[in-house]
Amino acid sequence: MKIYLKDNVYEAAKKRIARIFDEFENVIVSISGGKDSTAVMELALEVAREKSRLPLKAMFIDQEDEWSYTIDYIRHVKSRPEIQLYWFQVPVLETSAANHQDQYLNSWDPEQKDRWMREKEPDAYWTDDIPAIHKYADEFKGVLEEGRNLIFGGERYANIGGVLAEESLVRFGATTA
C-alpha cells in the first residue's frame, strides 16, 4: 500500500537522508552507476554538504561485466573531491545471463585473468583486502558486508541505496520490509 505525503518526493527524500545523517556517524551510499543509485547519491551529497559531512563515502561493487559507460561514470564519481569512493573488484560468483553454456560468471576470477573483460582499476580493493567473502554462500552479500566492515572497522554505520522498486516485487519487498 502506498501512503501519500504532503512533501514532494525530493523534499521527503532529503528529510529521510538528513535523519540518517543525524542518527549515524558513519554513512555510506551504495552505487551501481545506474540512475536510481546516482539520484540517491546526489541527494545524500546535498545533505552531506548541508551538514558539513564531506566527503561523502560511496561504495561500488564492480561485477566486471559492467557497461563501459558505467565504468567511465564511476571513474568520474571517483574524481569528485566531495566523494570518497571505495571501488571493489573481487571475485563474485553470479548467475550468468550471457550465454547458455556457463551457468555462472565468476567475476574477477584470478585463475581466469586471460578472460577478464578489462583490466582491474589500479587502486580498487581486491581479495587480499577482504578475504572473508569466500565464507559466504551469497558472495555478493558477503562483499557488501565485509566491504563496509573494512571501511568502518566494525563501527556502526548506515548504508543508503537507491533501487527502482517498481520494476520488481522482490525489490519492492526488500525496500519496504
C-alpha atoms as a PDB file:
ATOM      1  CA  MET A   1       0.000   0.000   0.000  1.00  0.00           C
ATOM      2  CA  LYS A   2       1.292   3.442  -0.865  1.00  0.00           C
ATOM      3  CA  ILE A   3       0.881   6.351   1.519  1.00  0.00           C
ATOM      4  CA  TYR A   4       0.953   9.819   0.009  1.00  0.00           C
ATOM      5  CA  LEU A   5       2.635  12.593   1.995  1.00  0.00           C
ATOM      6  CA  LYS A   6       2.399  16.391   1.960  1.00  0.00           C
ATOM      7  CA  ASP A   7       6.046  16.740   0.911  1.00  0.00           C
ATOM      8  CA  ASN A   8       7.056  16.189  -2.671  1.00  0.00           C
ATOM      9  CA  VAL A   9       9.401  13.295  -3.434  1.00  0.00           C
ATOM     10  CA  TYR A  10      12.525  15.479  -3.380  1.00  0.00           C
ATOM     11  CA  GLU A  11      11.716  17.078  -0.011  1.00  0.00           C
ATOM     12  CA  ALA A  12      10.716  13.755   1.558  1.00  0.00           C
ATOM     13  CA  ALA A  13      13.886  12.046   0.322  1.00  0.00           C
ATOM     14  CA  LYS A  14      16.127  14.793   1.677  1.00  0.00           C
ATOM     15  CA  LYS A  15      14.357  14.662   5.064  1.00  0.00           C
ATOM     16  CA  ARG A  16      14.847  10.893   5.264  1.00  0.00           C
ATOM     17  CA  ILE A  17      18.508  11.143   4.322  1.00  0.00           C
ATOM     18  CA  ALA A  18      19.048  14.027   6.779  1.00  0.00           C
ATOM     19  CA  ARG A  19      17.603  11.856   9.544  1.00  0.00           C
ATOM     20  CA  ILE A  20      20.076   9.111   8.664  1.00  0.00           C
ATOM     21  CA  PHE A  21      22.958  11.588   8.881  1.00  0.00           C
ATOM     22  CA  ASP A  22      21.602  12.805  12.240  1.00  0.00           C
ATOM     23  CA  GLU A  23      21.380   9.306  13.684  1.00  0.00           C
ATOM     24  CA  PHE A  24      24.583   7.781  12.287  1.00  0.00           C
ATOM     25  CA  GLU A  25      28.160   8.997  12.486  1.00  0.00           C
ATOM     26  CA  ASN A  26      29.127   6.673   9.626  1.00  0.00           C
ATOM     27  CA  VAL A  27      27.102   6.868   6.419  1.00  0.00           C
ATOM     28  CA  ILE A  28      27.844   5.283   3.056  1.00  0.00           C
ATOM     29  CA  VAL A  29      25.935   5.203  -0.233  1.00  0.00           C
ATOM     30  CA  SER A  30      25.978   2.065  -2.373  1.00  0.00           C
ATOM     31  CA  ILE A  31      26.112   2.956  -6.044  1.00  0.00           C
ATOM     32  CA  SER A  32      25.792   0.857  -9.183  1.00  0.00           C
ATOM     33  CA  GLY A  33      26.268   3.593 -11.751  1.00  0.00           C
ATOM     34  CA  GLY A  34      22.572   3.458 -12.640  1.00  0.00           C
ATOM     35  CA  LYS A  35      20.107   6.305 -12.471  1.00  0.00           C
ATOM     36  CA  ASP A  36      18.443   5.268  -9.208  1.00  0.00           C
ATOM     37  CA  SER A  37      21.592   4.949  -7.121  1.00  0.00           C
ATOM     38  CA  THR A  38      23.001   8.082  -8.792  1.00  0.00           C
ATOM     39  CA  ALA A  39      19.926  10.093  -7.778  1.00  0.00           C
ATOM     40  CA  VAL A  40      20.215   8.857  -4.189  1.00  0.00           C
ATOM     41  CA  MET A  41      23.958   9.598  -4.141  1.00  0.00           C
ATOM     42  CA  GLU A  42      23.344  13.169  -5.337  1.00  0.00           C
ATOM     43  CA  LEU A  43      20.642  13.668  -2.693  1.00  0.00           C
ATOM     44  CA  ALA A  44      22.958  12.298   0.001  1.00  0.00           C
ATOM     45  CA  LEU A  45      25.709  14.588  -1.277  1.00  0.00           C
ATOM     46  CA  GLU A  46      23.393  17.611  -0.902  1.00  0.00           C
ATOM     47  CA  VAL A  47      22.627  16.614   2.682  1.00  0.00           C
ATOM     48  CA  ALA A  48      26.296  15.885   3.462  1.00  0.00           C
ATOM     49  CA  ARG A  49      27.188  19.390   2.205  1.00  0.00           C
ATOM     50  CA  GLU A  50      24.445  20.989   4.310  1.00  0.00           C
ATOM     51  CA  LYS A  51      25.616  19.115   7.411  1.00  0.00           C
ATOM     52  CA  SER A  52      29.359  19.622   6.741  1.00  0.00           C
ATOM     53  CA  ARG A  53      29.846  15.851   6.478  1.00  0.00           C
ATOM     54  CA  LEU A  54      32.059  15.736   3.387  1.00  0.00           C
ATOM     55  CA  PRO A  55      33.483  13.775   1.767  1.00  0.00           C
ATOM     56  CA  LEU A  56      30.503  11.513   1.221  1.00  0.00           C
ATOM     57  CA  LYS A  57      31.504   7.858   1.313  1.00  0.00           C
ATOM     58  CA  ALA A  58      30.302   5.738  -1.599  1.00  0.00           C
ATOM     59  CA  MET A  59      30.807   2.058  -2.410  1.00  0.00           C
ATOM     60  CA  PHE A  60      30.807   0.438  -5.855  1.00  0.00           C
ATOM     61  CA  ILE A  61      30.989  -3.315  -6.420  1.00  0.00           C
ATOM     62  CA  ASP A  62      32.396  -3.825  -9.900  1.00  0.00           C
ATOM     63  CA  GLN A  63      30.980  -7.034 -11.346  1.00  0.00           C
ATOM     64  CA  GLU A  64      33.488  -6.971 -14.247  1.00  0.00           C
ATOM     65  CA  ASP A  65      30.756  -7.288 -16.890  1.00  0.00           C
ATOM     66  CA  GLU A  66      29.743  -3.648 -16.497  1.00  0.00           C
ATOM     67  CA  TRP A  67      28.983  -1.413 -19.461  1.00  0.00           C
ATOM     68  CA  SER A  68      31.952   0.736 -20.464  1.00  0.00           C
ATOM     69  CA  TYR A  69      29.841   3.859 -19.914  1.00  0.00           C
ATOM     70  CA  THR A  70      29.143   2.716 -16.353  1.00  0.00           C
ATOM     71  CA  ILE A  71      32.864   2.349 -15.673  1.00  0.00           C
ATOM     72  CA  ASP A  72      33.525   5.774 -17.210  1.00  0.00           C
ATOM     73  CA  TYR A  73      30.837   7.235 -14.959  1.00  0.00           C
ATOM     74  CA  ILE A  74      32.219   5.542 -11.829  1.00  0.00           C
ATOM     75  CA  ARG A  75      35.687   6.900 -12.695  1.00  0.00           C
ATOM     76  CA  HIS A  76      34.075  10.350 -12.890  1.00  0.00           C
ATOM     77  CA  VAL A  77      32.451   9.836  -9.462  1.00  0.00           C
ATOM     78  CA  LYS A  78      35.841   8.786  -8.095  1.00  0.00           C
ATOM     79  CA  SER A  79      37.411  12.015  -9.387  1.00  0.00           C
ATOM     80  CA  ARG A  80      34.957  14.221  -7.479  1.00  0.00           C
ATOM     81  CA  PRO A  81      36.631  15.693  -4.366  1.00  0.00           C
ATOM     82  CA  GLU A  82      33.370  15.654  -2.386  1.00  0.00           C
ATOM     83  CA  ILE A  83      33.095  11.866  -2.728  1.00  0.00           C
ATOM     84  CA  GLN A  84      35.327   9.203  -1.237  1.00  0.00           C
ATOM     85  CA  LEU A  85      34.719   6.172  -3.445  1.00  0.00           C
ATOM     86  CA  TYR A  86      35.519   2.632  -2.372  1.00  0.00           C
ATOM     87  CA  TRP A  87      35.784   0.537  -5.534  1.00  0.00           C
ATOM     88  CA  PHE A  88      35.639  -3.239  -5.009  1.00  0.00           C
ATOM     89  CA  GLN A  89      36.791  -5.653  -7.706  1.00  0.00           C
ATOM     90  CA  VAL A  90      36.697  -9.026  -6.005  1.00  0.00           C
ATOM     91  CA  PRO A  91      35.721 -12.452  -7.317  1.00  0.00           C
ATOM     92  CA  VAL A  92      31.961 -12.901  -7.092  1.00  0.00           C
ATOM     93  CA  LEU A  93      30.038 -15.903  -8.371  1.00  0.00           C
ATOM     94  CA  GLU A  94      26.922 -14.713 -10.209  1.00  0.00           C
ATOM     95  CA  THR A  95      24.245 -16.370 -12.293  1.00  0.00           C
ATOM     96  CA  SER A  96      25.169 -15.805 -15.925  1.00  0.00           C
ATOM     97  CA  ALA A  97      22.648 -14.431 -18.371  1.00  0.00           C
ATOM     98  CA  ALA A  98      25.306 -14.027 -21.064  1.00  0.00           C
ATOM     99  CA  ASN A  99      25.099 -17.488 -22.598  1.00  0.00           C
ATOM    100  CA  HIS A 100      23.547 -20.934 -22.186  1.00  0.00           C
ATOM    101  CA  GLN A 101      26.824 -22.837 -21.733  1.00  0.00           C
ATOM    102  CA  ASP A 102      28.021 -21.244 -18.498  1.00  0.00           C
ATOM    103  CA  GLN A 103      25.586 -21.248 -15.603  1.00  0.00           C
ATOM    104  CA  TYR A 104      27.774 -18.862 -13.599  1.00  0.00           C
ATOM    105  CA  LEU A 105      30.081 -15.947 -14.197  1.00  0.00           C
ATOM    106  CA  ASN A 106      32.932 -15.781 -11.720  1.00  0.00           C
ATOM    107  CA  SER A 107      33.793 -12.101 -11.929  1.00  0.00           C
ATOM    108  CA  TRP A 108      37.444 -11.184 -11.431  1.00  0.00           C
ATOM    109  CA  ASP A 109      38.480 -14.829 -11.033  1.00  0.00           C
ATOM    110  CA  PRO A 110      42.287 -14.644 -10.635  1.00  0.00           C
ATOM    111  CA  GLU A 111      42.615 -18.059 -12.306  1.00  0.00           C
ATOM    112  CA  GLN A 112      40.840 -16.745 -15.421  1.00  0.00           C
ATOM    113  CA  LYS A 113      42.658 -13.431 -15.785  1.00  0.00           C
ATOM    114  CA  ASP A 114      43.081 -14.087 -19.527  1.00  0.00           C
ATOM    115  CA  ARG A 115      39.264 -13.991 -19.852  1.00  0.00           C
ATOM    116  CA  TRP A 116      38.682 -10.751 -17.940  1.00  0.00           C
ATOM    117  CA  MET A 117      36.655  -8.201 -19.858  1.00  0.00           C
ATOM    118  CA  ARG A 118      39.063  -5.424 -18.841  1.00  0.00           C
ATOM    119  CA  GLU A 119      41.952  -4.747 -16.516  1.00  0.00           C
ATOM    120  CA  LYS A 120      41.408  -4.050 -12.840  1.00  0.00           C
ATOM    121  CA  GLU A 121      41.481  -0.490 -11.586  1.00  0.00           C
ATOM    122  CA  PRO A 122      44.880   0.202 -10.022  1.00  0.00           C
ATOM    123  CA  ASP A 123      43.537   1.209  -6.598  1.00  0.00           C
ATOM    124  CA  ALA A 124      40.444  -0.989  -6.304  1.00  0.00           C
ATOM    125  CA  TYR A 125      40.026  -3.243  -3.296  1.00  0.00           C
ATOM    126  CA  TRP A 126      40.862  -6.862  -4.116  1.00  0.00           C
ATOM    127  CA  THR A 127      40.514 -10.275  -2.476  1.00  0.00           C
ATOM    128  CA  ASP A 128      43.522  -9.693  -0.221  1.00  0.00           C
ATOM    129  CA  ASP A 129      41.681  -6.734   1.300  1.00  0.00           C
ATOM    130  CA  ILE A 130      38.530  -8.701   2.164  1.00  0.00           C
ATOM    131  CA  PRO A 131      39.368 -12.425   2.137  1.00  0.00           C
ATOM    132  CA  ALA A 132      36.370 -13.254   4.360  1.00  0.00           C
ATOM    133  CA  ILE A 133      33.982 -13.044   1.398  1.00  0.00           C
ATOM    134  CA  HIS A 134      34.740 -16.641   0.497  1.00  0.00           C
ATOM    135  CA  LYS A 135      32.858 -17.903   3.564  1.00  0.00           C
ATOM    136  CA  TYR A 136      29.513 -16.706   2.195  1.00  0.00           C
ATOM    137  CA  ALA A 137      27.124 -18.760   0.110  1.00  0.00           C
ATOM    138  CA  ASP A 138      25.927 -15.476  -1.393  1.00  0.00           C
ATOM    139  CA  GLU A 139      29.247 -13.829  -2.122  1.00  0.00           C
ATOM    140  CA  PHE A 140      27.700 -10.577  -3.379  1.00  0.00           C
ATOM    141  CA  LYS A 141      26.126 -10.101   0.030  1.00  0.00           C
ATOM    142  CA  GLY A 142      29.479 -11.001   1.559  1.00  0.00           C
ATOM    143  CA  VAL A 143      31.272  -8.312  -0.437  1.00  0.00           C
ATOM    144  CA  LEU A 144      28.755  -5.735   0.794  1.00  0.00           C
ATOM    145  CA  GLU A 145      29.075  -6.795   4.417  1.00  0.00           C
ATOM    146  CA  GLU A 146      32.840  -7.256   4.511  1.00  0.00           C
ATOM    147  CA  GLY A 147      33.460  -4.160   2.402  1.00  0.00           C
ATOM    148  CA  ARG A 148      31.512  -1.972   4.810  1.00  0.00           C
ATOM    149  CA  ASN A 149      33.300  -3.610   7.752  1.00  0.00           C
ATOM    150  CA  LEU A 150      36.636  -2.819   6.083  1.00  0.00           C
ATOM    151  CA  ILE A 151      35.597   0.814   5.605  1.00  0.00           C
ATOM    152  CA  PHE A 152      34.173   1.349   9.099  1.00  0.00           C
ATOM    153  CA  GLY A 153      36.268  -1.074  11.127  1.00  0.00           C
ATOM    154  CA  GLY A 154      33.256  -2.736  12.721  1.00  0.00           C
ATOM    155  CA  GLU A 155      31.723   0.567  13.858  1.00  0.00           C
ATOM    156  CA  ARG A 156      28.004   1.222  13.466  1.00  0.00           C
ATOM    157  CA  TYR A 157      27.024   2.611  10.056  1.00  0.00           C
ATOM    158  CA  ALA A 158      24.063   3.326   7.800  1.00  0.00           C
ATOM    159  CA  ASN A 159      24.057   2.235   4.163  1.00  0.00           C
ATOM    160  CA  ILE A 160      21.895   4.215   1.755  1.00  0.00           C
ATOM    161  CA  GLY A 161      20.978   2.703  -1.587  1.00  0.00           C
ATOM    162  CA  GLY A 162      18.672   3.539  -4.436  1.00  0.00           C
ATOM    163  CA  VAL A 163      16.683   0.938  -6.338  1.00  0.00           C
ATOM    164  CA  LEU A 164      13.701   1.168  -8.620  1.00  0.00           C
ATOM    165  CA  ALA A 165      11.290  -0.906  -6.563  1.00  0.00           C
ATOM    166  CA  GLU A 166       8.554  -0.600  -9.194  1.00  0.00           C
ATOM    167  CA  GLU A 167      10.487  -2.966 -11.503  1.00  0.00           C
ATOM    168  CA  SER A 168      10.282  -5.957  -9.197  1.00  0.00           C
ATOM    169  CA  LEU A 169       8.136  -7.240  -6.353  1.00  0.00           C
ATOM    170  CA  VAL A 170      11.301  -8.667  -4.752  1.00  0.00           C
ATOM    171  CA  ARG A 171      12.930  -5.212  -4.792  1.00  0.00           C
ATOM    172  CA  PHE A 172       9.736  -3.615  -3.502  1.00  0.00           C
ATOM    173  CA  GLY A 173       9.594  -6.115  -0.637  1.00  0.00           C
ATOM    174  CA  ALA A 174      13.272  -5.589   0.181  1.00  0.00           C
ATOM    175  CA  THR A 175      12.864  -1.832   0.392  1.00  0.00           C
ATOM    176  CA  THR A 176       9.679  -1.845   2.451  1.00  0.00           C
ATOM    177  CA  ALA A 177      10.267  -4.710   4.894  1.00  0.00           C
END
